[in-house]
Each structure stands twice: as C-alpha cells, then as structure tokens.
Amino acid sequence: MLQLPKAGRAHRAMADAEMTCHLWHRLQYDIAQTYGVSQVDYALIARVQATSNAKVPTLLRSLAGR
C-alpha cells in the first residue's frame, strides 16, 4: 500500500529492522506533510496510539507548527 522499498526476506531480523526504518520515515513524512507537525518522535507516535482513530486528525492538527 505504501510502496516502501523492499528490504529482503520478511521476518528476518535485518530485513524487518530495515522495513521498520522505512515505515518510520514514511510516517514522519506523511504526518509532517498532512498536518504540519515538524517533530514526529516516539512520544508523539505513542500518543497517537493511545488516541481513538476518530480523534487522531484533531490531535495532529492541534500540534501543527510544533
């Protein structure tokens, strides 16, 4: 769906680590572009995970410019 680069055989430690890195960078980019949030770090992603799906856009919009 996101067309991330292939990292090797799935469920092998290095390939999974590389894919996780690609996904992390894609999340950072998409959130920054869509919501204007400049710092997408672990704390923000943890906060998003604890937020209901319906409220995520409101949360991210409230953080725009930070």
PDB file of N, CA and C in Angstrom:
ATOM      1  N   MET A   1       0.824  -1.191   0.000  1.00  0.00           N
ATOM      2  CA  MET A   1       0.000   0.000   0.000  1.00  0.00           C
ATOM      3  C   MET A   1       0.872   1.260   0.000  1.00  0.00           C
ATOM      4  N   LEU A   2       1.900   1.301   0.819  1.00  0.00           N
ATOM      5  CA  LEU A   2       2.752   2.486   0.895  1.00  0.00           C
ATOM      6  C   LEU A   2       3.913   2.447  -0.084  1.00  0.00           C
ATOM      7  N   GLN A   3       4.085   1.328  -0.755  1.00  0.00           N
ATOM      8  CA  GLN A   3       5.159   1.137  -1.719  1.00  0.00           C
ATOM      9  C   GLN A   3       6.540   1.442  -1.112  1.00  0.00           C
ATOM     10  N   LEU A   4       6.770   0.899   0.069  1.00  0.00           N
ATOM     11  CA  LEU A   4       8.067   1.038   0.719  1.00  0.00           C
ATOM     12  C   LEU A   4       9.088   0.182  -0.011  1.00  0.00           C
ATOM     13  N   PRO A   5      10.364   0.558   0.064  1.00  0.00           N
ATOM     14  CA  PRO A   5      11.394  -0.252  -0.592  1.00  0.00           C
ATOM     15  C   PRO A   5      11.439  -1.665  -0.009  1.00  0.00           C
ATOM     16  N   LYS A   6      11.731  -2.619  -0.849  1.00  0.00           N
ATOM     17  CA  LYS A   6      11.887  -3.996  -0.379  1.00  0.00           C
ATOM     18  C   LYS A   6      13.166  -4.082   0.447  1.00  0.00           C
ATOM     19  N   ALA A   7      13.084  -4.785   1.557  1.00  0.00           N
ATOM     20  CA  ALA A   7      14.226  -4.846   2.472  1.00  0.00           C
ATOM     21  C   ALA A   7      14.814  -6.248   2.578  1.00  0.00           C
ATOM     22  N   GLY A   8      14.316  -7.173   1.836  1.00  0.00           N
ATOM     23  CA  GLY A   8      14.814  -8.545   1.953  1.00  0.00           C
ATOM     24  C   GLY A   8      13.704  -9.476   2.382  1.00  0.00           C
ATOM     25  N   ARG A   9      14.086 -10.637   2.801  1.00  0.00           N
ATOM     26  CA  ARG A   9      13.118 -11.662   3.198  1.00  0.00           C
ATOM     27  C   ARG A   9      12.417 -11.275   4.497  1.00  0.00           C
ATOM     28  N   ALA A  10      11.100 -11.240   4.451  1.00  0.00           N
ATOM     29  CA  ALA A  10      10.305 -10.859   5.618  1.00  0.00           C
ATOM     30  C   ALA A  10      10.552 -11.802   6.791  1.00  0.00           C
ATOM     31  N   HIS A  11      10.457 -11.260   7.977  1.00  0.00           N
ATOM     32  CA  HIS A  11      10.597 -11.987   9.238  1.00  0.00           C
ATOM     33  C   HIS A  11      12.022 -12.464   9.503  1.00  0.00           C
ATOM     34  N   ARG A  12      12.976 -11.815   8.860  1.00  0.00           N
ATOM     35  CA  ARG A  12      14.390 -11.985   9.197  1.00  0.00           C
ATOM     36  C   ARG A  12      14.778 -10.692   9.904  1.00  0.00           C
ATOM     37  N   ALA A  13      15.606 -10.768  10.906  1.00  0.00           N
ATOM     38  CA  ALA A  13      15.888  -9.626  11.768  1.00  0.00           C
ATOM     39  C   ALA A  13      16.309  -8.371  10.997  1.00  0.00           C
ATOM     40  N   MET A  14      17.285  -8.480  10.118  1.00  0.00           N
ATOM     41  CA  MET A  14      17.775  -7.299   9.416  1.00  0.00           C
ATOM     42  C   MET A  14      16.717  -6.742   8.467  1.00  0.00           C
ATOM     43  N   ALA A  15      16.052  -7.598   7.738  1.00  0.00           N
ATOM     44  CA  ALA A  15      15.020  -7.135   6.806  1.00  0.00           C
ATOM     45  C   ALA A  15      13.879  -6.456   7.554  1.00  0.00           C
ATOM     46  N   ASP A  16      13.461  -7.018   8.668  1.00  0.00           N
ATOM     47  CA  ASP A  16      12.396  -6.410   9.460  1.00  0.00           C
ATOM     48  C   ASP A  16      12.834  -5.071  10.043  1.00  0.00           C
ATOM     49  N   ALA A  17      14.080  -4.976  10.488  1.00  0.00           N
ATOM     50  CA  ALA A  17      14.596  -3.709  11.022  1.00  0.00           C
ATOM     51  C   ALA A  17      14.632  -2.644   9.930  1.00  0.00           C
ATOM     52  N   GLU A  18      15.072  -3.020   8.743  1.00  0.00           N
ATOM     53  CA  GLU A  18      15.109  -2.067   7.626  1.00  0.00           C
ATOM     54  C   GLU A  18      13.700  -1.613   7.246  1.00  0.00           C
ATOM     55  N   MET A  19      12.763  -2.544   7.195  1.00  0.00           N
ATOM     56  CA  MET A  19      11.393  -2.183   6.847  1.00  0.00           C
ATOM     57  C   MET A  19      10.789  -1.268   7.908  1.00  0.00           C
ATOM     58  N   THR A  20      11.082  -1.521   9.169  1.00  0.00           N
ATOM     59  CA  THR A  20      10.599  -0.666  10.244  1.00  0.00           C
ATOM     60  C   THR A  20      11.146   0.750  10.089  1.00  0.00           C
ATOM     61  N   CYS A  21      12.403   0.855   9.722  1.00  0.00           N
ATOM     62  CA  CYS A  21      13.021   2.159   9.488  1.00  0.00           C
ATOM     63  C   CYS A  21      12.341   2.891   8.338  1.00  0.00           C
ATOM     64  N   HIS A  22      12.098   2.178   7.242  1.00  0.00           N
ATOM     65  CA  HIS A  22      11.414   2.791   6.102  1.00  0.00           C
ATOM     66  C   HIS A  22      10.013   3.262   6.498  1.00  0.00           C
ATOM     67  N   LEU A  23       9.305   2.443   7.264  1.00  0.00           N
ATOM     68  CA  LEU A  23       7.958   2.802   7.702  1.00  0.00           C
ATOM     69  C   LEU A  23       7.995   4.010   8.631  1.00  0.00           C
ATOM     70  N   TRP A  24       8.947   4.051   9.552  1.00  0.00           N
ATOM     71  CA  TRP A  24       9.084   5.171  10.493  1.00  0.00           C
ATOM     72  C   TRP A  24       9.292   6.482   9.734  1.00  0.00           C
ATOM     73  N   HIS A  25      10.195   6.458   8.757  1.00  0.00           N
ATOM     74  CA  HIS A  25      10.447   7.670   7.977  1.00  0.00           C
ATOM     75  C   HIS A  25       9.221   8.077   7.164  1.00  0.00           C
ATOM     76  N   ARG A  26       8.498   7.107   6.660  1.00  0.00           N
ATOM     77  CA  ARG A  26       7.287   7.414   5.907  1.00  0.00           C
ATOM     78  C   ARG A  26       6.224   8.034   6.812  1.00  0.00           C
ATOM     79  N   LEU A  27       6.070   7.499   8.024  1.00  0.00           N
ATOM     80  CA  LEU A  27       5.122   8.087   8.980  1.00  0.00           C
ATOM     81  C   LEU A  27       5.505   9.525   9.301  1.00  0.00           C
ATOM     82  N   GLN A  28       6.779   9.762   9.563  1.00  0.00           N
ATOM     83  CA  GLN A  28       7.243  11.116   9.857  1.00  0.00           C
ATOM     84  C   GLN A  28       6.923  12.054   8.701  1.00  0.00           C
ATOM     85  N   TYR A  29       7.230  11.637   7.493  1.00  0.00           N
ATOM     86  CA  TYR A  29       6.996  12.458   6.310  1.00  0.00           C
ATOM     87  C   TYR A  29       5.500  12.737   6.124  1.00  0.00           C
ATOM     88  N   ASP A  30       4.677  11.693   6.165  1.00  0.00           N
ATOM     89  CA  ASP A  30       3.241  11.852   5.934  1.00  0.00           C
ATOM     90  C   ASP A  30       2.592  12.752   6.981  1.00  0.00           C
ATOM     91  N   ILE A  31       2.945  12.573   8.242  1.00  0.00           N
ATOM     92  CA  ILE A  31       2.367  13.411   9.302  1.00  0.00           C
ATOM     93  C   ILE A  31       2.817  14.857   9.141  1.00  0.00           C
ATOM     94  N   ALA A  32       4.084  15.068   8.828  1.00  0.00           N
ATOM     95  CA  ALA A  32       4.594  16.430   8.625  1.00  0.00           C
ATOM     96  C   ALA A  32       3.889  17.104   7.449  1.00  0.00           C
ATOM     97  N   GLN A  33       3.740  16.387   6.342  1.00  0.00           N
ATOM     98  CA  GLN A  33       3.120  16.964   5.154  1.00  0.00           C
ATOM     99  C   GLN A  33       1.619  17.200   5.335  1.00  0.00           C
ATOM    100  N   THR A  34       0.945  16.282   5.956  1.00  0.00           N
ATOM    101  CA  THR A  34      -0.511  16.362   6.090  1.00  0.00           C
ATOM    102  C   THR A  34      -0.949  17.313   7.189  1.00  0.00           C
ATOM    103  N   TYR A  35      -0.238  17.296   8.315  1.00  0.00           N
ATOM    104  CA  TYR A  35      -0.690  18.055   9.480  1.00  0.00           C
ATOM    105  C   TYR A  35       0.238  19.191   9.886  1.00  0.00           C
ATOM    106  N   GLY A  36       1.394  19.317   9.265  1.00  0.00           N
ATOM    107  CA  GLY A  36       2.311  20.401   9.597  1.00  0.00           C
ATOM    108  C   GLY A  36       3.014  20.226  10.926  1.00  0.00           C
ATOM    109  N   VAL A  37       3.102  19.002  11.389  1.00  0.00           N
ATOM    110  CA  VAL A  37       3.807  18.717  12.644  1.00  0.00           C
ATOM    111  C   VAL A  37       5.275  18.509  12.305  1.00  0.00           C
ATOM    112  N   SER A  38       6.140  19.336  12.878  1.00  0.00           N
ATOM    113  CA  SER A  38       7.549  19.289  12.492  1.00  0.00           C
ATOM    114  C   SER A  38       8.358  18.226  13.227  1.00  0.00           C
ATOM    115  N   GLN A  39       7.945  17.868  14.425  1.00  0.00           N
ATOM    116  CA  GLN A  39       8.698  16.874  15.190  1.00  0.00           C
ATOM    117  C   GLN A  39       7.824  15.652  15.443  1.00  0.00           C
ATOM    118  N   VAL A  40       8.073  14.611  14.682  1.00  0.00           N
ATOM    119  CA  VAL A  40       7.343  13.361  14.846  1.00  0.00           C
ATOM    120  C   VAL A  40       8.302  12.377  15.499  1.00  0.00           C
ATOM    121  N   ASP A  41       8.169  12.232  16.805  1.00  0.00           N
ATOM    122  CA  ASP A  41       9.079  11.369  17.557  1.00  0.00           C
ATOM    123  C   ASP A  41       8.297  10.234  18.214  1.00  0.00           C
ATOM    124  N   TYR A  42       9.016   9.429  18.963  1.00  0.00           N
ATOM    125  CA  TYR A  42       8.388   8.279  19.616  1.00  0.00           C
ATOM    126  C   TYR A  42       7.245   8.711  20.531  1.00  0.00           C
ATOM    127  N   ALA A  43       7.441   9.792  21.272  1.00  0.00           N
ATOM    128  CA  ALA A  43       6.401  10.257  22.205  1.00  0.00           C
ATOM    129  C   ALA A  43       5.111  10.595  21.463  1.00  0.00           C
ATOM    130  N   LEU A  44       5.233  11.222  20.298  1.00  0.00           N
ATOM    131  CA  LEU A  44       4.044  11.562  19.526  1.00  0.00           C
ATOM    132  C   LEU A  44       3.352  10.300  19.011  1.00  0.00           C
ATOM    133  N   ILE A  45       4.121   9.370  18.483  1.00  0.00           N
ATOM    134  CA  ILE A  45       3.521   8.135  17.972  1.00  0.00           C
ATOM    135  C   ILE A  45       2.841   7.361  19.105  1.00  0.00           C
ATOM    136  N   ALA A  46       3.441   7.337  20.277  1.00  0.00           N
ATOM    137  CA  ALA A  46       2.819   6.674  21.430  1.00  0.00           C
ATOM    138  C   ALA A  46       1.503   7.367  21.791  1.00  0.00           C
ATOM    139  N   ARG A  47       1.496   8.676  21.705  1.00  0.00           N
ATOM    140  CA  ARG A  47       0.268   9.434  21.995  1.00  0.00           C
ATOM    141  C   ARG A  47      -0.806   9.134  20.952  1.00  0.00           C
ATOM    142  N   VAL A  48      -0.412   9.052  19.690  1.00  0.00           N
ATOM    143  CA  VAL A  48      -1.355   8.714  18.623  1.00  0.00           C
ATOM    144  C   VAL A  48      -1.938   7.325  18.861  1.00  0.00           C
ATOM    145  N   GLN A  49      -1.101   6.370  19.265  1.00  0.00           N
ATOM    146  CA  GLN A  49      -1.585   5.016  19.514  1.00  0.00           C
ATOM    147  C   GLN A  49      -2.607   4.962  20.636  1.00  0.00           C
ATOM    148  N   ALA A  50      -2.507   5.865  21.585  1.00  0.00           N
ATOM    149  CA  ALA A  50      -3.428   5.876  22.719  1.00  0.00           C
ATOM    150  C   ALA A  50      -4.700   6.687  22.418  1.00  0.00           C
ATOM    151  N   THR A  51      -4.797   7.224  21.224  1.00  0.00           N
ATOM    152  CA  THR A  51      -5.926   8.061  20.819  1.00  0.00           C
ATOM    153  C   THR A  51      -6.835   7.268  19.886  1.00  0.00           C
ATOM    154  N   SER A  52      -8.129   7.437  20.046  1.00  0.00           N
ATOM    155  CA  SER A  52      -9.059   6.725  19.157  1.00  0.00           C
ATOM    156  C   SER A  52      -8.867   7.208  17.720  1.00  0.00           C
ATOM    157  N   ASN A  53      -9.123   6.329  16.775  1.00  0.00           N
ATOM    158  CA  ASN A  53      -8.938   6.652  15.352  1.00  0.00           C
ATOM    159  C   ASN A  53      -9.637   7.943  14.956  1.00  0.00           C
ATOM    160  N   ALA A  54     -10.839   8.129  15.435  1.00  0.00           N
ATOM    161  CA  ALA A  54     -11.625   9.301  15.057  1.00  0.00           C
ATOM    162  C   ALA A  54     -11.001  10.604  15.553  1.00  0.00           C
ATOM    163  N   LYS A  55     -10.225  10.537  16.635  1.00  0.00           N
ATOM    164  CA  LYS A  55      -9.661  11.752  17.230  1.00  0.00           C
ATOM    165  C   LYS A  55      -8.222  12.046  16.799  1.00  0.00           C
ATOM    166  N   VAL A  56      -7.601  11.130  16.064  1.00  0.00           N
ATOM    167  CA  VAL A  56      -6.203  11.332  15.649  1.00  0.00           C
ATOM    168  C   VAL A  56      -6.029  12.594  14.805  1.00  0.00           C
ATOM    169  N   PRO A  57      -6.859  12.827  13.778  1.00  0.00           N
ATOM    170  CA  PRO A  57      -6.667  14.053  12.995  1.00  0.00           C
ATOM    171  C   PRO A  57      -6.757  15.334  13.839  1.00  0.00           C
ATOM    172  N   THR A  58      -7.680  15.375  14.769  1.00  0.00           N
ATOM    173  CA  THR A  58      -7.826  16.544  15.639  1.00  0.00           C
ATOM    174  C   THR A  58      -6.573  16.725  16.497  1.00  0.00           C
ATOM    175  N   LEU A  59      -6.059  15.635  17.052  1.00  0.00           N
ATOM    176  CA  LEU A  59      -4.835  15.693  17.846  1.00  0.00           C
ATOM    177  C   LEU A  59      -3.680  16.245  17.018  1.00  0.00           C
ATOM    178  N   LEU A  60      -3.487  15.690  15.826  1.00  0.00           N
ATOM    179  CA  LEU A  60      -2.351  16.104  14.997  1.00  0.00           C
ATOM    180  C   LEU A  60      -2.505  17.551  14.526  1.00  0.00           C
ATOM    181  N   ARG A  61      -3.705  17.968  14.189  1.00  0.00           N
ATOM    182  CA  ARG A  61      -3.918  19.367  13.792  1.00  0.00           C
ATOM    183  C   ARG A  61      -3.615  20.310  14.949  1.00  0.00           C
ATOM    184  N   SER A  62      -3.911  19.876  16.175  1.00  0.00           N
ATOM    185  CA  SER A  62      -3.651  20.738  17.338  1.00  0.00           C
ATOM    186  C   SER A  62      -2.166  20.929  17.592  1.00  0.00           C
ATOM    187  N   LEU A  63      -1.340  20.047  17.036  1.00  0.00           N
ATOM    188  CA  LEU A  63       0.102  20.121  17.220  1.00  0.00           C
ATOM    189  C   LEU A  63       0.824  20.774  16.059  1.00  0.00           C
ATOM    190  N   ALA A  64       0.098  21.240  15.074  1.00  0.00           N
ATOM    191  CA  ALA A  64       0.705  21.852  13.883  1.00  0.00           C
ATOM    192  C   ALA A  64       1.635  22.996  14.282  1.00  0.00           C
ATOM    193  N   GLY A  65       2.773  23.052  13.616  1.00  0.00           N
ATOM    194  CA  GLY A  65       3.742  24.108  13.873  1.00  0.00           C
ATOM    195  C   GLY A  65       4.676  23.823  15.025  1.00  0.00           C
ATOM    196  N   ARG A  66       4.502  22.695  15.688  1.00  0.00           N
ATOM    197  CA  ARG A  66       5.372  22.346  16.829  1.00  0.00           C
ATOM    198  C   ARG A  66       6.474  21.455  16.382  1.00  0.00           C
TER     199      ARG A  66
END
